[in-house]
Amino acid sequence: MFKKKDKSLIKEYIFVDFHRLESYMAQIKGDVKYDIVPTWNIGLSAASPALGANIQKVARKPNYHEMINLLLEHLRKAQQLDVERKRSRGDVLFCLETIMARKVLFPANLTKEIPGIKELVLWVSLELDMKSIKDGEYTAGPLYLIEAYSENDTPYMNPMSGYNAFGFILKDLLGETFEKMIGSKRESKSATHKFGIDPNEYLGALKAQVSEPRRIECLYRRRATFVDHSIQKVVTYGYPIFITEMP
C-alpha cells in the first residue's frame, strides 16, 4: 500500500491535457478568481504633489492547477469520479488513481506528418495501487492511457483484447503510419497473448522507448473497459486529464 498523501506537498505535473481541461471547465460554473492590483495616482496640492494608491480586485482566469481542483470538486459532488478500476464503463467516466506505470514514447517519425501531435505517448500500468480489485469473476488488470488524444470516441469500440484496442486507437490516430509501424506484428493469437502478458516488451520491439516504473497520480476519462479473455482480466483504456509525479 502507498502512504497517505501529504496535501502540503507541491505537485510535480508531468502532463496536463489543456484542451480537455479547458473544455470541461467551460461547462462548470466556479468561483471567480481575483488578483489584487494596486493603482497609483498623483494628486496636486498647494504645497507639493501627493502620491496616492488604491487597491483594485481584477478578475482573472484560473490557472491550470486551480482548474484541476475545480474539476475534481465538481466530479466528486456530481458522483462522477471513481477511485478504482471497474469491470464495465458504466455511467462514471472519470477515475482518479495513484498507480505504478511506465511511460512509452513512440519514435518521432510516426507523428511528424500528423497535425497537432508533437509526440505519441502511452502510459502502461500493470500493477494496482491496492489489492486486486475483483468485479464479478474477473480481476481488474492493465490500464493504458494515451496522452493528448485528439480524435473523438466514434466509431464505437468493442475490443476483444488489449492488443485489439491498442490497434484500433492507434490506427484511428495514425492511419497508414500505424500499418507501417506494426509491420509483421499483426494481430494473431500469439501477438494478442504476448501483448496481454507483457505489453512493455511488445512495445519495446516496435522501437518505442519504455521507461522504468514511475509512481504517478492521474485523472483520466475512460475510453473503453472490457474483459481481455487472453489474460482473463479487465482492461481499461483512457485519456489522462493530468498526471503528477508522486514520491
Protein backbone atom coordinates (compact mmCIF):
# COMPACT_ATOMS: atom_id res chain seq x y z
CA MET A 1 0.00 0.00 0.00
CA PHE A 2 1.17 3.50 -0.75
CA LYS A 3 1.49 6.05 2.03
CA LYS A 4 -1.30 8.52 2.68
CA LYS A 5 -0.99 11.62 0.52
CA ASP A 6 0.52 14.72 2.09
CA LYS A 7 -1.62 17.62 0.86
CA SER A 8 1.15 20.11 1.71
CA LEU A 9 3.46 18.68 -0.96
CA ILE A 10 3.99 20.70 -4.13
CA LYS A 11 2.64 18.75 -7.10
CA GLU A 12 5.02 17.86 -9.92
CA TYR A 13 2.87 17.96 -13.06
CA ILE A 14 4.36 15.91 -15.87
CA PHE A 15 1.36 16.11 -18.18
CA VAL A 16 -1.78 18.25 -18.47
CA ASP A 17 -4.28 17.98 -21.33
CA PHE A 18 -5.08 21.69 -21.55
CA HIS A 19 -7.59 21.22 -24.38
CA ARG A 20 -9.75 18.76 -22.43
CA LEU A 21 -9.31 20.64 -19.16
CA GLU A 22 -10.48 23.96 -20.62
CA SER A 23 -13.34 22.22 -22.44
CA TYR A 24 -14.57 20.73 -19.15
CA MET A 25 -14.10 23.99 -17.26
CA ALA A 26 -16.25 25.83 -19.80
CA GLN A 27 -19.11 23.63 -18.59
CA ILE A 28 -18.50 24.24 -14.88
CA LYS A 29 -19.57 27.39 -13.08
CA GLY A 30 -16.89 28.06 -10.49
CA ASP A 31 -16.00 30.96 -8.23
CA VAL A 32 -14.39 33.91 -9.99
CA LYS A 33 -10.69 34.34 -9.19
CA TYR A 34 -9.28 37.81 -8.50
CA ASP A 35 -5.84 39.42 -8.45
CA ILE A 36 -5.20 42.32 -6.07
CA VAL A 37 -3.76 45.14 -8.16
CA PRO A 38 -2.57 48.50 -6.72
CA THR A 39 -3.26 51.60 -8.84
CA TRP A 40 -1.24 54.74 -8.29
CA ASN A 41 -2.32 58.36 -8.71
CA ILE A 42 -0.68 61.70 -8.21
CA GLY A 43 -2.64 64.50 -6.58
CA LEU A 44 -1.76 68.19 -6.64
CA SER A 45 -1.83 70.41 -3.59
CA ALA A 46 -0.68 73.93 -2.78
CA ALA A 47 2.40 72.57 -1.02
CA SER A 48 3.59 69.77 -3.31
CA PRO A 49 2.37 66.79 -5.41
CA ALA A 50 0.97 63.90 -3.34
CA LEU A 51 1.26 60.25 -4.31
CA GLY A 52 -1.74 58.04 -3.51
CA ALA A 53 -2.64 54.37 -4.05
CA ASN A 54 -5.87 52.44 -4.45
CA ILE A 55 -6.38 48.68 -4.33
CA GLN A 56 -8.49 47.03 -7.03
CA LYS A 57 -9.71 43.45 -7.46
CA VAL A 58 -9.28 42.36 -11.08
CA ALA A 59 -11.00 39.18 -12.29
CA ARG A 60 -8.67 36.64 -13.88
CA LYS A 61 -8.81 33.24 -15.49
CA PRO A 62 -7.89 30.41 -13.04
CA ASN A 63 -4.55 28.72 -13.66
CA TYR A 64 -4.44 25.04 -14.61
CA HIS A 65 -3.80 23.86 -11.03
CA GLU A 66 -6.90 25.73 -9.87
CA MET A 67 -8.88 24.37 -12.83
CA ILE A 68 -7.86 20.80 -11.94
CA ASN A 69 -9.01 21.27 -8.34
CA LEU A 70 -12.31 22.79 -9.51
CA LEU A 71 -12.86 19.88 -11.90
CA LEU A 72 -12.15 17.30 -9.20
CA GLU A 73 -14.51 19.09 -6.79
CA HIS A 74 -17.24 19.15 -9.43
CA LEU A 75 -16.82 15.45 -10.29
CA ARG A 76 -16.94 14.43 -6.63
CA LYS A 77 -20.10 16.45 -5.97
CA ALA A 78 -21.74 15.04 -9.11
CA GLN A 79 -20.69 11.50 -8.11
CA GLN A 80 -18.87 11.16 -11.42
CA LEU A 81 -15.46 10.18 -10.03
CA ASP A 82 -14.24 6.66 -9.32
CA VAL A 83 -11.06 5.88 -7.40
CA GLU A 84 -10.55 2.36 -8.71
CA ARG A 85 -10.82 0.45 -11.97
CA LYS A 86 -14.11 -1.17 -12.90
CA ARG A 87 -15.22 -4.11 -14.97
CA SER A 88 -17.59 -2.06 -17.12
CA ARG A 89 -17.52 1.52 -18.34
CA GLY A 90 -20.89 2.27 -16.76
CA ASP A 91 -22.12 5.80 -16.09
CA VAL A 92 -18.95 7.09 -14.36
CA LEU A 93 -16.43 8.12 -16.99
CA PHE A 94 -13.72 9.65 -14.78
CA CYS A 95 -11.29 7.91 -12.44
CA LEU A 96 -8.57 9.24 -10.13
CA GLU A 97 -5.85 6.69 -9.33
CA THR A 98 -2.39 6.51 -7.83
CA ILE A 99 -0.52 3.83 -9.76
CA MET A 100 2.82 2.45 -10.84
CA ALA A 101 3.17 2.98 -14.60
CA ARG A 102 5.71 3.05 -17.40
CA LYS A 103 5.87 5.89 -19.93
CA VAL A 104 6.07 4.64 -23.52
CA LEU A 105 7.36 7.17 -26.07
CA PHE A 106 6.96 6.20 -29.72
CA PRO A 107 9.50 7.21 -32.40
CA ALA A 108 9.12 10.83 -33.57
CA ASN A 109 8.92 9.84 -37.24
CA LEU A 110 5.50 8.28 -36.58
CA THR A 111 3.86 11.62 -35.81
CA LYS A 112 5.94 14.19 -37.73
CA GLU A 113 3.33 14.45 -40.52
CA ILE A 114 0.25 14.42 -38.26
CA PRO A 115 -1.05 17.97 -37.48
CA GLY A 116 -1.31 18.88 -33.81
CA ILE A 117 0.71 15.95 -32.47
CA LYS A 118 4.29 16.54 -31.33
CA GLU A 119 4.80 13.12 -29.78
CA LEU A 120 2.84 9.93 -29.16
CA VAL A 121 2.92 8.86 -25.51
CA LEU A 122 1.24 5.88 -23.87
CA TRP A 123 1.28 5.12 -20.13
CA VAL A 124 1.02 1.45 -19.17
CA SER A 125 0.09 0.33 -15.65
CA LEU A 126 0.12 -3.37 -14.89
CA GLU A 127 0.33 -3.13 -11.09
CA LEU A 128 -2.53 -1.80 -8.99
CA ASP A 129 -2.05 0.57 -6.06
CA MET A 130 -4.33 -1.58 -3.93
CA LYS A 131 -5.19 -5.24 -3.62
CA SER A 132 -6.53 -6.83 -6.78
CA ILE A 133 -9.98 -5.47 -7.48
CA LYS A 134 -12.48 -8.12 -8.43
CA ASP A 135 -15.72 -7.24 -10.18
CA GLY A 136 -17.71 -10.39 -10.79
CA GLU A 137 -15.46 -13.25 -11.89
CA TYR A 138 -12.68 -11.11 -13.36
CA THR A 139 -9.83 -9.16 -11.77
CA ALA A 140 -9.06 -5.54 -12.73
CA GLY A 141 -5.99 -5.62 -14.94
CA PRO A 142 -3.89 -3.34 -17.17
CA LEU A 143 -4.58 0.35 -17.65
CA TYR A 144 -3.47 2.16 -20.84
CA LEU A 145 -3.52 5.96 -21.01
CA ILE A 146 -2.98 7.85 -24.27
CA GLU A 147 -1.78 11.44 -23.90
CA ALA A 148 -3.42 14.27 -25.86
CA TYR A 149 -5.67 12.04 -27.96
CA SER A 150 -7.39 14.46 -30.33
CA GLU A 151 -9.90 12.13 -32.01
CA ASN A 152 -13.46 11.61 -30.79
CA ASP A 153 -14.99 8.40 -29.46
CA THR A 154 -16.64 7.32 -32.72
CA PRO A 155 -16.94 4.81 -34.16
CA TYR A 156 -17.84 2.76 -31.09
CA MET A 157 -15.08 0.44 -29.97
CA ASN A 158 -15.90 -3.05 -28.65
CA PRO A 159 -12.48 -4.72 -28.47
CA MET A 160 -11.88 -8.35 -27.57
CA SER A 161 -8.35 -7.85 -26.21
CA GLY A 162 -5.90 -5.18 -25.05
CA TYR A 163 -3.95 -5.72 -28.26
CA ASN A 164 -7.08 -5.23 -30.38
CA ALA A 165 -7.90 -1.95 -28.61
CA PHE A 166 -4.28 -0.76 -28.98
CA GLY A 167 -4.51 -1.36 -32.73
CA PHE A 168 -7.96 0.24 -33.03
CA ILE A 169 -6.99 3.51 -31.33
CA LEU A 170 -3.57 3.91 -32.93
CA LYS A 171 -4.86 3.07 -36.39
CA ASP A 172 -7.59 5.68 -35.90
CA LEU A 173 -4.92 8.20 -34.91
CA LEU A 174 -2.02 7.30 -37.22
CA GLY A 175 -3.75 5.79 -40.25
CA GLU A 176 -1.30 4.27 -42.75
CA THR A 177 1.62 5.16 -40.48
CA PHE A 178 0.34 2.61 -37.96
CA GLU A 179 0.26 -0.10 -40.64
CA LYS A 180 3.93 0.60 -41.39
CA MET A 181 4.82 0.56 -37.69
CA ILE A 182 3.06 -2.71 -36.89
CA GLY A 183 4.51 -4.46 -39.97
CA SER A 184 4.70 -8.19 -39.43
CA LYS A 185 3.48 -7.89 -35.82
CA ARG A 186 -0.16 -8.03 -36.86
CA GLU A 187 -2.87 -9.42 -34.64
CA SER A 188 -2.70 -13.15 -34.01
CA LYS A 189 -3.36 -15.36 -31.02
CA SER A 190 0.35 -15.28 -30.22
CA ALA A 191 0.65 -11.47 -30.51
CA THR A 192 -2.57 -10.95 -28.54
CA HIS A 193 -1.37 -13.13 -25.67
CA LYS A 194 2.14 -11.64 -25.65
CA PHE A 195 0.75 -8.11 -25.56
CA GLY A 196 -1.64 -9.05 -22.76
CA ILE A 197 1.08 -10.65 -20.62
CA ASP A 198 3.84 -8.09 -21.20
CA PRO A 199 2.85 -5.09 -23.36
CA ASN A 200 6.06 -3.27 -22.46
CA GLU A 201 8.20 -5.90 -24.16
CA TYR A 202 5.95 -5.82 -27.23
CA LEU A 203 6.04 -2.01 -27.42
CA GLY A 204 9.81 -2.00 -27.00
CA ALA A 205 10.04 -4.28 -30.04
CA LEU A 206 8.24 -1.53 -32.01
CA LYS A 207 11.22 0.75 -31.18
CA ALA A 208 9.27 2.66 -28.55
CA GLN A 209 11.18 3.96 -25.50
CA VAL A 210 9.82 2.32 -22.36
CA SER A 211 10.72 3.99 -19.04
CA GLU A 212 11.26 2.41 -15.66
CA PRO A 213 8.11 2.18 -13.49
CA ARG A 214 7.10 5.54 -12.00
CA ARG A 215 4.62 6.25 -9.25
CA ILE A 216 2.04 8.70 -10.57
CA GLU A 217 -1.36 10.12 -9.74
CA CYS A 218 -3.67 10.57 -12.71
CA LEU A 219 -7.17 11.68 -13.50
CA TYR A 220 -8.39 10.00 -16.66
CA ARG A 221 -11.52 9.68 -18.75
CA ARG A 222 -12.41 6.12 -19.64
CA ARG A 223 -12.49 5.29 -23.36
CA ALA A 224 -13.13 1.56 -23.07
CA THR A 225 -13.34 -1.05 -20.32
CA PHE A 226 -13.62 -4.70 -21.28
CA VAL A 227 -12.57 -8.26 -20.46
CA ASP A 228 -9.43 -9.48 -22.24
CA HIS A 229 -10.07 -13.22 -22.37
CA SER A 230 -6.47 -13.91 -23.41
CA ILE A 231 -5.39 -12.97 -19.86
CA GLN A 232 -8.76 -13.26 -18.07
CA LYS A 233 -8.58 -9.72 -16.72
CA VAL A 234 -10.42 -6.43 -17.16
CA VAL A 235 -8.52 -3.93 -19.35
CA THR A 236 -9.09 -0.17 -19.37
CA TYR A 237 -8.10 2.41 -21.98
CA GLY A 238 -8.39 6.09 -21.17
CA TYR A 239 -7.31 9.66 -21.80
CA PRO A 240 -5.37 11.35 -18.96
CA ILE A 241 -6.50 14.85 -17.96
CA PHE A 242 -3.44 15.30 -15.75
CA ILE A 243 -0.54 13.21 -14.48
CA THR A 244 1.61 14.12 -11.49
CA GLU A 245 4.79 12.50 -10.19
CA MET A 246 4.35 11.04 -6.73
CA PRO A 247 7.06 10.47 -4.08
